[in-house]
Amino acid sequence: MSNGHTSEITYAARGSDFDGFAIKQGDYMALADGKLFGTEQDINAMLEHLAQAETQQNAEFINIFYGEDIAEEQAVQAQEIFSAACPNAEINLLPGGQPVYYYIISAE
């Protein structure tokens, strides 16, 4: 279990300042292992940042679960971002159907 890492992408329901991040309402927020990883106004930029993170770079397997508000075409783009950034990992794309979280990403 210590080799498994989880990241999620959601949105900011309101503006705030948290852990040194100035968060605006509607921003995409990424959490990595339960801690705020970063914010972006573009979801693909957020996916790029997550894909470049050490936990993903060192992973052998990455599972991307896309939520109910993500179209399959958008999810395929996310898979392509991770495939390009993490060429040594096996990337799986799965329809999670979860509310609130656009993506839940597990890396091991």
PDB file of N, CA and C in Angstrom:
ATOM      1  N   MET A   1       0.814  -1.205   0.000  1.00  0.00           N
ATOM      2  CA  MET A   1       0.000   0.000   0.000  1.00  0.00           C
ATOM      3  C   MET A   1       0.853   1.262   0.000  1.00  0.00           C
ATOM      4  N   SER A   2       2.060   1.189   0.545  1.00  0.00           N
ATOM      5  CA  SER A   2       2.887   2.396   0.612  1.00  0.00           C
ATOM      6  C   SER A   2       3.340   2.850  -0.774  1.00  0.00           C
ATOM      7  N   ASN A   3       3.242   1.986  -1.771  1.00  0.00           N
ATOM      8  CA  ASN A   3       3.629   2.347  -3.130  1.00  0.00           C
ATOM      9  C   ASN A   3       2.477   2.960  -3.921  1.00  0.00           C
ATOM     10  N   GLY A   4       1.284   2.982  -3.348  1.00  0.00           N
ATOM     11  CA  GLY A   4       0.125   3.533  -4.035  1.00  0.00           C
ATOM     12  C   GLY A   4      -0.097   4.990  -3.688  1.00  0.00           C
ATOM     13  N   HIS A   5      -0.436   5.773  -4.701  1.00  0.00           N
ATOM     14  CA  HIS A   5      -0.688   7.199  -4.513  1.00  0.00           C
ATOM     15  C   HIS A   5      -1.972   7.569  -5.249  1.00  0.00           C
ATOM     16  N   THR A   6      -2.717   8.496  -4.675  1.00  0.00           N
ATOM     17  CA  THR A   6      -3.979   8.915  -5.265  1.00  0.00           C
ATOM     18  C   THR A   6      -3.999  10.426  -5.451  1.00  0.00           C
ATOM     19  N   SER A   7      -4.498  10.853  -6.596  1.00  0.00           N
ATOM     20  CA  SER A   7      -4.699  12.273  -6.888  1.00  0.00           C
ATOM     21  C   SER A   7      -6.133  12.455  -7.350  1.00  0.00           C
ATOM     22  N   GLU A   8      -6.683  13.609  -7.057  1.00  0.00           N
ATOM     23  CA  GLU A   8      -8.032  13.943  -7.499  1.00  0.00           C
ATOM     24  C   GLU A   8      -8.034  15.352  -8.062  1.00  0.00           C
ATOM     25  N   ILE A   9      -8.914  15.562  -9.029  1.00  0.00           N
ATOM     26  CA  ILE A   9      -9.145  16.910  -9.545  1.00  0.00           C
ATOM     27  C   ILE A   9     -10.605  17.248  -9.320  1.00  0.00           C
ATOM     28  N   THR A  10     -10.828  18.386  -8.675  1.00  0.00           N
ATOM     29  CA  THR A  10     -12.165  18.875  -8.403  1.00  0.00           C
ATOM     30  C   THR A  10     -12.186  20.366  -8.706  1.00  0.00           C
ATOM     31  N   TYR A  11     -13.144  21.103  -8.171  1.00  0.00           N
ATOM     32  CA  TYR A  11     -13.236  22.533  -8.426  1.00  0.00           C
ATOM     33  C   TYR A  11     -13.418  23.283  -7.107  1.00  0.00           C
ATOM     34  N   ALA A  12     -13.083  24.545  -7.123  1.00  0.00           N
ATOM     35  CA  ALA A  12     -13.255  25.393  -5.948  1.00  0.00           C
ATOM     36  C   ALA A  12     -14.673  25.959  -5.943  1.00  0.00           C
ATOM     37  N   ALA A  13     -15.405  25.677  -4.899  1.00  0.00           N
ATOM     38  CA  ALA A  13     -16.774  26.179  -4.778  1.00  0.00           C
ATOM     39  C   ALA A  13     -16.789  27.657  -4.404  1.00  0.00           C
ATOM     40  N   ARG A  14     -15.682  28.125  -3.795  1.00  0.00           N
ATOM     41  CA  ARG A  14     -15.565  29.541  -3.437  1.00  0.00           C
ATOM     42  C   ARG A  14     -14.087  29.924  -3.424  1.00  0.00           C
ATOM     43  N   GLY A  15     -13.836  31.202  -3.461  1.00  0.00           N
ATOM     44  CA  GLY A  15     -12.470  31.686  -3.401  1.00  0.00           C
ATOM     45  C   GLY A  15     -11.921  31.588  -1.987  1.00  0.00           C
ATOM     46  N   SER A  16     -10.626  31.335  -1.877  1.00  0.00           N
ATOM     47  CA  SER A  16      -9.984  31.272  -0.559  1.00  0.00           C
ATOM     48  C   SER A  16      -8.472  31.319  -0.728  1.00  0.00           C
ATOM     49  N   ASP A  17      -7.796  31.396   0.382  1.00  0.00           N
ATOM     50  CA  ASP A  17      -6.344  31.320   0.405  1.00  0.00           C
ATOM     51  C   ASP A  17      -6.012  30.142   1.308  1.00  0.00           C
ATOM     52  N   PHE A  18      -5.375  29.123   0.740  1.00  0.00           N
ATOM     53  CA  PHE A  18      -5.115  27.909   1.514  1.00  0.00           C
ATOM     54  C   PHE A  18      -3.717  27.399   1.210  1.00  0.00           C
ATOM     55  N   ASP A  19      -2.958  27.187   2.238  1.00  0.00           N
ATOM     56  CA  ASP A  19      -1.631  26.584   2.104  1.00  0.00           C
ATOM     57  C   ASP A  19      -0.746  27.313   1.093  1.00  0.00           C
ATOM     58  N   GLY A  20      -0.905  28.642   1.034  1.00  0.00           N
ATOM     59  CA  GLY A  20      -0.095  29.429   0.110  1.00  0.00           C
ATOM     60  C   GLY A  20      -0.658  29.533  -1.294  1.00  0.00           C
ATOM     61  N   PHE A  21      -1.809  28.938  -1.535  1.00  0.00           N
ATOM     62  CA  PHE A  21      -2.449  28.997  -2.850  1.00  0.00           C
ATOM     63  C   PHE A  21      -3.605  29.989  -2.806  1.00  0.00           C
ATOM     64  N   ALA A  22      -3.623  30.942  -3.729  1.00  0.00           N
ATOM     65  CA  ALA A  22      -4.754  31.848  -3.895  1.00  0.00           C
ATOM     66  C   ALA A  22      -5.744  31.146  -4.812  1.00  0.00           C
ATOM     67  N   ILE A  23      -6.829  30.690  -4.254  1.00  0.00           N
ATOM     68  CA  ILE A  23      -7.810  29.895  -4.999  1.00  0.00           C
ATOM     69  C   ILE A  23      -8.992  30.776  -5.364  1.00  0.00           C
ATOM     70  N   LYS A  24      -9.346  30.750  -6.639  1.00  0.00           N
ATOM     71  CA  LYS A  24     -10.499  31.511  -7.113  1.00  0.00           C
ATOM     72  C   LYS A  24     -11.676  30.560  -7.319  1.00  0.00           C
ATOM     73  N   GLN A  25     -12.874  31.065  -7.081  1.00  0.00           N
ATOM     74  CA  GLN A  25     -14.064  30.262  -7.306  1.00  0.00           C
ATOM     75  C   GLN A  25     -14.068  29.740  -8.734  1.00  0.00           C
ATOM     76  N   GLY A  26     -14.300  28.454  -8.903  1.00  0.00           N
ATOM     77  CA  GLY A  26     -14.344  27.835 -10.220  1.00  0.00           C
ATOM     78  C   GLY A  26     -13.017  27.270 -10.690  1.00  0.00           C
ATOM     79  N   ASP A  27     -11.910  27.585  -9.989  1.00  0.00           N
ATOM     80  CA  ASP A  27     -10.609  27.011 -10.344  1.00  0.00           C
ATOM     81  C   ASP A  27     -10.648  25.491 -10.214  1.00  0.00           C
ATOM     82  N   TYR A  28      -9.850  24.831 -11.016  1.00  0.00           N
ATOM     83  CA  TYR A  28      -9.639  23.396 -10.829  1.00  0.00           C
ATOM     84  C   TYR A  28      -8.593  23.229  -9.737  1.00  0.00           C
ATOM     85  N   MET A  29      -8.856  22.322  -8.832  1.00  0.00           N
ATOM     86  CA  MET A  29      -7.932  22.053  -7.729  1.00  0.00           C
ATOM     87  C   MET A  29      -7.516  20.597  -7.789  1.00  0.00           C
ATOM     88  N   ALA A  30      -6.230  20.363  -7.591  1.00  0.00           N
ATOM     89  CA  ALA A  30      -5.736  18.987  -7.539  1.00  0.00           C
ATOM     90  C   ALA A  30      -5.268  18.691  -6.127  1.00  0.00           C
ATOM     91  N   LEU A  31      -5.643  17.527  -5.659  1.00  0.00           N
ATOM     92  CA  LEU A  31      -5.180  17.006  -4.381  1.00  0.00           C
ATOM     93  C   LEU A  31      -4.291  15.817  -4.686  1.00  0.00           C
ATOM     94  N   ALA A  32      -3.196  15.700  -3.969  1.00  0.00           N
ATOM     95  CA  ALA A  32      -2.292  14.562  -4.131  1.00  0.00           C
ATOM     96  C   ALA A  32      -2.073  13.960  -2.750  1.00  0.00           C
ATOM     97  N   ASP A  33      -2.466  12.717  -2.604  1.00  0.00           N
ATOM     98  CA  ASP A  33      -2.372  12.028  -1.318  1.00  0.00           C
ATOM     99  C   ASP A  33      -2.982  12.868  -0.200  1.00  0.00           C
ATOM    100  N   GLY A  34      -4.137  13.477  -0.493  1.00  0.00           N
ATOM    101  CA  GLY A  34      -4.901  14.207   0.505  1.00  0.00           C
ATOM    102  C   GLY A  34      -4.466  15.637   0.760  1.00  0.00           C
ATOM    103  N   LYS A  35      -3.437  16.126   0.075  1.00  0.00           N
ATOM    104  CA  LYS A  35      -2.951  17.491   0.272  1.00  0.00           C
ATOM    105  C   LYS A  35      -3.125  18.291  -1.007  1.00  0.00           C
ATOM    106  N   LEU A  36      -3.343  19.590  -0.855  1.00  0.00           N
ATOM    107  CA  LEU A  36      -3.504  20.444  -2.022  1.00  0.00           C
ATOM    108  C   LEU A  36      -2.221  20.445  -2.846  1.00  0.00           C
ATOM    109  N   PHE A  37      -2.344  20.058  -4.100  1.00  0.00           N
ATOM    110  CA  PHE A  37      -1.205  19.971  -5.018  1.00  0.00           C
ATOM    111  C   PHE A  37      -1.057  21.257  -5.819  1.00  0.00           C
ATOM    112  N   GLY A  38      -2.203  21.831  -6.232  1.00  0.00           N
ATOM    113  CA  GLY A  38      -2.160  23.049  -7.030  1.00  0.00           C
ATOM    114  C   GLY A  38      -3.521  23.424  -7.567  1.00  0.00           C
ATOM    115  N   THR A  39      -3.578  24.580  -8.197  1.00  0.00           N
ATOM    116  CA  THR A  39      -4.807  25.069  -8.818  1.00  0.00           C
ATOM    117  C   THR A  39      -4.481  25.559 -10.229  1.00  0.00           C
ATOM    118  N   GLU A  40      -5.462  25.497 -11.080  1.00  0.00           N
ATOM    119  CA  GLU A  40      -5.332  25.959 -12.472  1.00  0.00           C
ATOM    120  C   GLU A  40      -6.707  26.394 -12.963  1.00  0.00           C
ATOM    121  N   GLN A  41      -6.720  27.219 -13.978  1.00  0.00           N
ATOM    122  CA  GLN A  41      -7.974  27.588 -14.617  1.00  0.00           C
ATOM    123  C   GLN A  41      -8.274  26.691 -15.810  1.00  0.00           C
ATOM    124  N   ASP A  42      -7.307  25.892 -16.218  1.00  0.00           N
ATOM    125  CA  ASP A  42      -7.460  24.974 -17.350  1.00  0.00           C
ATOM    126  C   ASP A  42      -7.232  23.543 -16.856  1.00  0.00           C
ATOM    127  N   ILE A  43      -8.192  22.686 -17.081  1.00  0.00           N
ATOM    128  CA  ILE A  43      -8.097  21.313 -16.552  1.00  0.00           C
ATOM    129  C   ILE A  43      -6.957  20.525 -17.192  1.00  0.00           C
ATOM    130  N   ASN A  44      -6.684  20.766 -18.488  1.00  0.00           N
ATOM    131  CA  ASN A  44      -5.584  20.045 -19.131  1.00  0.00           C
ATOM    132  C   ASN A  44      -4.230  20.474 -18.567  1.00  0.00           C
ATOM    133  N   ALA A  45      -4.093  21.749 -18.210  1.00  0.00           N
ATOM    134  CA  ALA A  45      -2.860  22.211 -17.562  1.00  0.00           C
ATOM    135  C   ALA A  45      -2.703  21.530 -16.206  1.00  0.00           C
ATOM    136  N   MET A  46      -3.805  21.355 -15.489  1.00  0.00           N
ATOM    137  CA  MET A  46      -3.750  20.667 -14.196  1.00  0.00           C
ATOM    138  C   MET A  46      -3.341  19.213 -14.381  1.00  0.00           C
ATOM    139  N   LEU A  47      -3.874  18.569 -15.407  1.00  0.00           N
ATOM    140  CA  LEU A  47      -3.497  17.182 -15.715  1.00  0.00           C
ATOM    141  C   LEU A  47      -2.018  17.087 -16.064  1.00  0.00           C
ATOM    142  N   GLU A  48      -1.516  18.063 -16.831  1.00  0.00           N
ATOM    143  CA  GLU A  48      -0.082  18.092 -17.186  1.00  0.00           C
ATOM    144  C   GLU A  48       0.781  18.164 -15.938  1.00  0.00           C
ATOM    145  N   HIS A  49       0.423  19.055 -15.008  1.00  0.00           N
ATOM    146  CA  HIS A  49       1.197  19.200 -13.773  1.00  0.00           C
ATOM    147  C   HIS A  49       1.185  17.905 -12.966  1.00  0.00           C
ATOM    148  N   LEU A  50       0.030  17.279 -12.866  1.00  0.00           N
ATOM    149  CA  LEU A  50      -0.054  16.012 -12.125  1.00  0.00           C
ATOM    150  C   LEU A  50       0.767  14.926 -12.805  1.00  0.00           C
ATOM    151  N   ALA A  51       0.707  14.872 -14.122  1.00  0.00           N
ATOM    152  CA  ALA A  51       1.447  13.837 -14.856  1.00  0.00           C
ATOM    153  C   ALA A  51       2.949  13.986 -14.672  1.00  0.00           C
ATOM    154  N   GLN A  52       3.414  15.216 -14.452  1.00  0.00           N
ATOM    155  CA  GLN A  52       4.842  15.464 -14.259  1.00  0.00           C
ATOM    156  C   GLN A  52       5.302  15.231 -12.815  1.00  0.00           C
ATOM    157  N   ALA A  53       4.368  15.033 -11.908  1.00  0.00           N
ATOM    158  CA  ALA A  53       4.714  14.838 -10.492  1.00  0.00           C
ATOM    159  C   ALA A  53       5.510  13.545 -10.309  1.00  0.00           C
ATOM    160  N   GLU A  54       6.357  13.549  -9.321  1.00  0.00           N
ATOM    161  CA  GLU A  54       7.249  12.412  -9.070  1.00  0.00           C
ATOM    162  C   GLU A  54       6.491  11.097  -8.888  1.00  0.00           C
ATOM    163  N   THR A  55       5.367  11.141  -8.207  1.00  0.00           N
ATOM    164  CA  THR A  55       4.626   9.889  -7.966  1.00  0.00           C
ATOM    165  C   THR A  55       4.161   9.253  -9.275  1.00  0.00           C
ATOM    166  N   GLN A  56       3.774  10.088 -10.243  1.00  0.00           N
ATOM    167  CA  GLN A  56       3.372   9.544 -11.546  1.00  0.00           C
ATOM    168  C   GLN A  56       4.598   9.130 -12.365  1.00  0.00           C
ATOM    169  N   GLN A  57       5.653   9.903 -12.287  1.00  0.00           N
ATOM    170  CA  GLN A  57       6.859   9.609 -13.055  1.00  0.00           C
ATOM    171  C   GLN A  57       7.495   8.291 -12.636  1.00  0.00           C
ATOM    172  N   ASN A  58       7.326   7.909 -11.383  1.00  0.00           N
ATOM    173  CA  ASN A  58       7.912   6.668 -10.879  1.00  0.00           C
ATOM    174  C   ASN A  58       6.944   5.488 -10.908  1.00  0.00           C
ATOM    175  N   ALA A  59       5.742   5.704 -11.375  1.00  0.00           N
ATOM    176  CA  ALA A  59       4.715   4.657 -11.358  1.00  0.00           C
ATOM    177  C   ALA A  59       4.871   3.668 -12.509  1.00  0.00           C
ATOM    178  N   GLU A  60       4.491   2.433 -12.228  1.00  0.00           N
ATOM    179  CA  GLU A  60       4.425   1.406 -13.275  1.00  0.00           C
ATOM    180  C   GLU A  60       3.015   1.300 -13.832  1.00  0.00           C
ATOM    181  N   PHE A  61       2.023   1.581 -12.987  1.00  0.00           N
ATOM    182  CA  PHE A  61       0.617   1.500 -13.377  1.00  0.00           C
ATOM    183  C   PHE A  61      -0.092   2.775 -12.951  1.00  0.00           C
ATOM    184  N   ILE A  62      -0.844   3.363 -13.873  1.00  0.00           N
ATOM    185  CA  ILE A  62      -1.647   4.548 -13.571  1.00  0.00           C
ATOM    186  C   ILE A  62      -3.065   4.284 -14.066  1.00  0.00           C
ATOM    187  N   ASN A  63      -4.027   4.434 -13.156  1.00  0.00           N
ATOM    188  CA  ASN A  63      -5.440   4.285 -13.495  1.00  0.00           C
ATOM    189  C   ASN A  63      -6.099   5.651 -13.405  1.00  0.00           C
ATOM    190  N   ILE A  64      -6.782   6.040 -14.462  1.00  0.00           N
ATOM    191  CA  ILE A  64      -7.478   7.325 -14.511  1.00  0.00           C
ATOM    192  C   ILE A  64      -8.970   7.033 -14.541  1.00  0.00           C
ATOM    193  N   PHE A  65      -9.655   7.399 -13.456  1.00  0.00           N
ATOM    194  CA  PHE A  65     -11.108   7.239 -13.370  1.00  0.00           C
ATOM    195  C   PHE A  65     -11.722   8.605 -13.651  1.00  0.00           C
ATOM    196  N   TYR A  66     -12.544   8.700 -14.696  1.00  0.00           N
ATOM    197  CA  TYR A  66     -13.148   9.991 -15.007  1.00  0.00           C
ATOM    198  C   TYR A  66     -14.572  10.051 -14.488  1.00  0.00           C
ATOM    199  N   GLY A  67     -14.941  11.244 -14.032  1.00  0.00           N
ATOM    200  CA  GLY A  67     -16.217  11.450 -13.364  1.00  0.00           C
ATOM    201  C   GLY A  67     -17.378  11.689 -14.300  1.00  0.00           C
ATOM    202  N   GLU A  68     -18.539  11.854 -13.675  1.00  0.00           N
ATOM    203  CA  GLU A  68     -19.780  11.984 -14.429  1.00  0.00           C
ATOM    204  C   GLU A  68     -19.839  13.249 -15.285  1.00  0.00           C
ATOM    205  N   ASP A  69     -19.059  14.268 -14.959  1.00  0.00           N
ATOM    206  CA  ASP A  69     -19.086  15.515 -15.731  1.00  0.00           C
ATOM    207  C   ASP A  69     -18.028  15.578 -16.835  1.00  0.00           C
ATOM    208  N   ILE A  70     -17.337  14.479 -17.061  1.00  0.00           N
ATOM    209  CA  ILE A  70     -16.290  14.421 -18.090  1.00  0.00           C
ATOM    210  C   ILE A  70     -16.766  13.541 -19.249  1.00  0.00           C
ATOM    211  N   ALA A  71     -16.733  14.111 -20.452  1.00  0.00           N
ATOM    212  CA  ALA A  71     -17.093  13.340 -21.651  1.00  0.00           C
ATOM    213  C   ALA A  71     -15.945  12.388 -21.973  1.00  0.00           C
ATOM    214  N   GLU A  72     -16.263  11.301 -22.640  1.00  0.00           N
ATOM    215  CA  GLU A  72     -15.236  10.313 -22.977  1.00  0.00           C
ATOM    216  C   GLU A  72     -14.105  10.929 -23.799  1.00  0.00           C
ATOM    217  N   GLU A  73     -14.427  11.870 -24.697  1.00  0.00           N
ATOM    218  CA  GLU A  73     -13.395  12.527 -25.511  1.00  0.00           C
ATOM    219  C   GLU A  73     -12.407  13.293 -24.631  1.00  0.00           C
ATOM    220  N   GLN A  74     -12.927  13.965 -23.597  1.00  0.00           N
ATOM    221  CA  GLN A  74     -12.053  14.680 -22.660  1.00  0.00           C
ATOM    222  C   GLN A  74     -11.179  13.689 -21.896  1.00  0.00           C
ATOM    223  N   ALA A  75     -11.761  12.574 -21.508  1.00  0.00           N
ATOM    224  CA  ALA A  75     -11.017  11.557 -20.757  1.00  0.00           C
ATOM    225  C   ALA A  75      -9.893  10.973 -21.607  1.00  0.00           C
ATOM    226  N   VAL A  76     -10.145  10.778 -22.883  1.00  0.00           N
ATOM    227  CA  VAL A  76      -9.108  10.271 -23.787  1.00  0.00           C
ATOM    228  C   VAL A  76      -7.957  11.270 -23.863  1.00  0.00           C
ATOM    229  N   GLN A  77      -8.270  12.568 -23.852  1.00  0.00           N
ATOM    230  CA  GLN A  77      -7.219  13.603 -23.827  1.00  0.00           C
ATOM    231  C   GLN A  77      -6.374  13.462 -22.563  1.00  0.00           C
ATOM    232  N   ALA A  78      -7.021  13.231 -21.433  1.00  0.00           N
ATOM    233  CA  ALA A  78      -6.300  13.048 -20.170  1.00  0.00           C
ATOM    234  C   ALA A  78      -5.366  11.844 -20.268  1.00  0.00           C
ATOM    235  N   GLN A  79      -5.853  10.761 -20.841  1.00  0.00           N
ATOM    236  CA  GLN A  79      -5.030   9.563 -21.015  1.00  0.00           C
ATOM    237  C   GLN A  79      -3.822   9.869 -21.906  1.00  0.00           C
ATOM    238  N   GLU A  80      -4.036  10.639 -22.968  1.00  0.00           N
ATOM    239  CA  GLU A  80      -2.939  11.005 -23.869  1.00  0.00           C
ATOM    240  C   GLU A  80      -1.892  11.861 -23.148  1.00  0.00           C
ATOM    241  N   ILE A  81      -2.338  12.765 -22.283  1.00  0.00           N
ATOM    242  CA  ILE A  81      -1.412  13.600 -21.510  1.00  0.00           C
ATOM    243  C   ILE A  81      -0.537  12.724 -20.626  1.00  0.00           C
ATOM    244  N   PHE A  82      -1.153  11.776 -19.928  1.00  0.00           N
ATOM    245  CA  PHE A  82      -0.388  10.903 -19.042  1.00  0.00           C
ATOM    246  C   PHE A  82       0.496   9.937 -19.838  1.00  0.00           C
ATOM    247  N   SER A  83       0.023   9.453 -20.958  1.00  0.00           N
ATOM    248  CA  SER A  83       0.834   8.549 -21.781  1.00  0.00           C
ATOM    249  C   SER A  83       2.090   9.246 -22.290  1.00  0.00           C
ATOM    250  N   ALA A  84       1.966  10.504 -22.688  1.00  0.00           N
ATOM    251  CA  ALA A  84       3.127  11.258 -23.171  1.00  0.00           C
ATOM    252  C   ALA A  84       4.096  11.578 -22.038  1.00  0.00           C
ATOM    253  N   ALA A  85       3.572  11.917 -20.873  1.00  0.00           N
ATOM    254  CA  ALA A  85       4.418  12.316 -19.743  1.00  0.00           C
ATOM    255  C   ALA A  85       5.008  11.129 -18.989  1.00  0.00           C
ATOM    256  N   CYS A  86       4.354   9.981 -19.067  1.00  0.00           N
ATOM    257  CA  CYS A  86       4.768   8.793 -18.294  1.00  0.00           C
ATOM    258  C   CYS A  86       4.909   7.589 -19.232  1.00  0.00           C
ATOM    259  N   PRO A  87       5.888   7.618 -20.139  1.00  0.00           N
ATOM    260  CA  PRO A  87       5.993   6.572 -21.156  1.00  0.00           C
ATOM    261  C   PRO A  87       6.310   5.184 -20.603  1.00  0.00           C
ATOM    262  N   ASN A  88       6.804   5.090 -19.385  1.00  0.00           N
ATOM    263  CA  ASN A  88       7.151   3.783 -18.810  1.00  0.00           C
ATOM    264  C   ASN A  88       6.027   3.162 -18.003  1.00  0.00           C
ATOM    265  N   ALA A  89       4.911   3.868 -17.892  1.00  0.00           N
ATOM    266  CA  ALA A  89       3.777   3.367 -17.108  1.00  0.00           C
ATOM    267  C   ALA A  89       2.695   2.804 -18.018  1.00  0.00           C
ATOM    268  N   GLU A  90       2.003   1.804 -17.505  1.00  0.00           N
ATOM    269  CA  GLU A  90       0.806   1.300 -18.175  1.00  0.00           C
ATOM    270  C   GLU A  90      -0.348   2.179 -17.717  1.00  0.00           C
ATOM    271  N   ILE A  91      -1.019   2.841 -18.671  1.00  0.00           N
ATOM    272  CA  ILE A  91      -2.087   3.793 -18.347  1.00  0.00           C
ATOM    273  C   ILE A  91      -3.431   3.167 -18.699  1.00  0.00           C
ATOM    274  N   ASN A  92      -4.337   3.139 -17.719  1.00  0.00           N
ATOM    275  CA  ASN A  92      -5.685   2.616 -17.934  1.00  0.00           C
ATOM    276  C   ASN A  92      -6.693   3.734 -17.726  1.00  0.00           C
ATOM    277  N   LEU A  93      -7.658   3.834 -18.612  1.00  0.00           N
ATOM    278  CA  LEU A  93      -8.719   4.835 -18.531  1.00  0.00           C
ATOM    279  C   LEU A  93     -10.023   4.113 -18.216  1.00  0.00           C
ATOM    280  N   LEU A  94     -10.696   4.549 -17.150  1.00  0.00           N
ATOM    281  CA  LEU A  94     -11.910   3.877 -16.700  1.00  0.00           C
ATOM    282  C   LEU A  94     -13.003   4.891 -16.380  1.00  0.00           C
ATOM    283  N   PRO A  95     -14.249   4.607 -16.790  1.00  0.00           N
ATOM    284  CA  PRO A  95     -15.351   5.505 -16.429  1.00  0.00           C
ATOM    285  C   PRO A  95     -15.746   5.269 -14.968  1.00  0.00           C
ATOM    286  N   GLY A  96     -15.371   6.189 -14.090  1.00  0.00           N
ATOM    287  CA  GLY A  96     -15.703   6.046 -12.669  1.00  0.00           C
ATOM    288  C   GLY A  96     -17.111   6.516 -12.361  1.00  0.00           C
ATOM    289  N   GLY A  97     -17.557   7.549 -13.099  1.00  0.00           N
ATOM    290  CA  GLY A  97     -18.902   8.072 -12.899  1.00  0.00           C
ATOM    291  C   GLY A  97     -19.079   8.835 -11.599  1.00  0.00           C
ATOM    292  N   GLN A  98     -17.987   9.149 -10.899  1.00  0.00           N
ATOM    293  CA  GLN A  98     -18.085   9.802  -9.598  1.00  0.00           C
ATOM    294  C   GLN A  98     -18.526  11.259  -9.745  1.00  0.00           C
ATOM    295  N   PRO A  99     -19.353  11.733  -8.803  1.00  0.00           N
ATOM    296  CA  PRO A  99     -19.704  13.154  -8.785  1.00  0.00           C
ATOM    297  C   PRO A  99     -18.575  13.965  -8.150  1.00  0.00           C
ATOM    298  N   VAL A 100     -18.592  15.257  -8.339  1.00  0.00           N
ATOM    299  CA  VAL A 100     -17.697  16.237  -7.722  1.00  0.00           C
ATOM    300  C   VAL A 100     -16.261  16.154  -8.242  1.00  0.00           C
ATOM    301  N   TYR A 101     -15.680  14.972  -8.323  1.00  0.00           N
ATOM    302  CA  TYR A 101     -14.297  14.830  -8.778  1.00  0.00           C
ATOM    303  C   TYR A 101     -14.287  14.527 -10.275  1.00  0.00           C
ATOM    304  N   TYR A 102     -13.639  15.410 -11.034  1.00  0.00           N
ATOM    305  CA  TYR A 102     -13.538  15.201 -12.479  1.00  0.00           C
ATOM    306  C   TYR A 102     -12.678  13.976 -12.773  1.00  0.00           C
ATOM    307  N   TYR A 103     -11.595  13.840 -12.015  1.00  0.00           N
ATOM    308  CA  TYR A 103     -10.700  12.704 -12.185  1.00  0.00           C
ATOM    309  C   TYR A 103     -10.227  12.211 -10.833  1.00  0.00           C
ATOM    310  N   ILE A 104     -10.110  10.918 -10.702  1.00  0.00           N
ATOM    311  CA  ILE A 104      -9.390  10.286  -9.600  1.00  0.00           C
ATOM    312  C   ILE A 104      -8.312   9.437 -10.262  1.00  0.00           C
ATOM    313  N   ILE A 105      -7.076   9.665  -9.863  1.00  0.00           N
ATOM    314  CA  ILE A 105      -5.933   9.022 -10.517  1.00  0.00           C
ATOM    315  C   ILE A 105      -5.163   8.234  -9.473  1.00  0.00           C
ATOM    316  N   SER A 106      -4.993   6.953  -9.734  1.00  0.00           N
ATOM    317  CA  SER A 106      -4.176   6.142  -8.832  1.00  0.00           C
ATOM    318  C   SER A 106      -2.889   5.759  -9.555  1.00  0.00           C
ATOM    319  N   ALA A 107      -1.792   5.850  -8.832  1.00  0.00           N
ATOM    320  CA  ALA A 107      -0.482   5.527  -9.393  1.00  0.00           C
ATOM    321  C   ALA A 107       0.216   4.574  -8.435  1.00  0.00           C
ATOM    322  N   GLU A 108       0.758   3.499  -9.014  1.00  0.00           N
ATOM    323  CA  GLU A 108       1.520   2.562  -8.180  1.00  0.00           C
ATOM    324  C   GLU A 108       2.702   2.026  -8.949  1.00  0.00           C
TER     325      GLU A 108
END
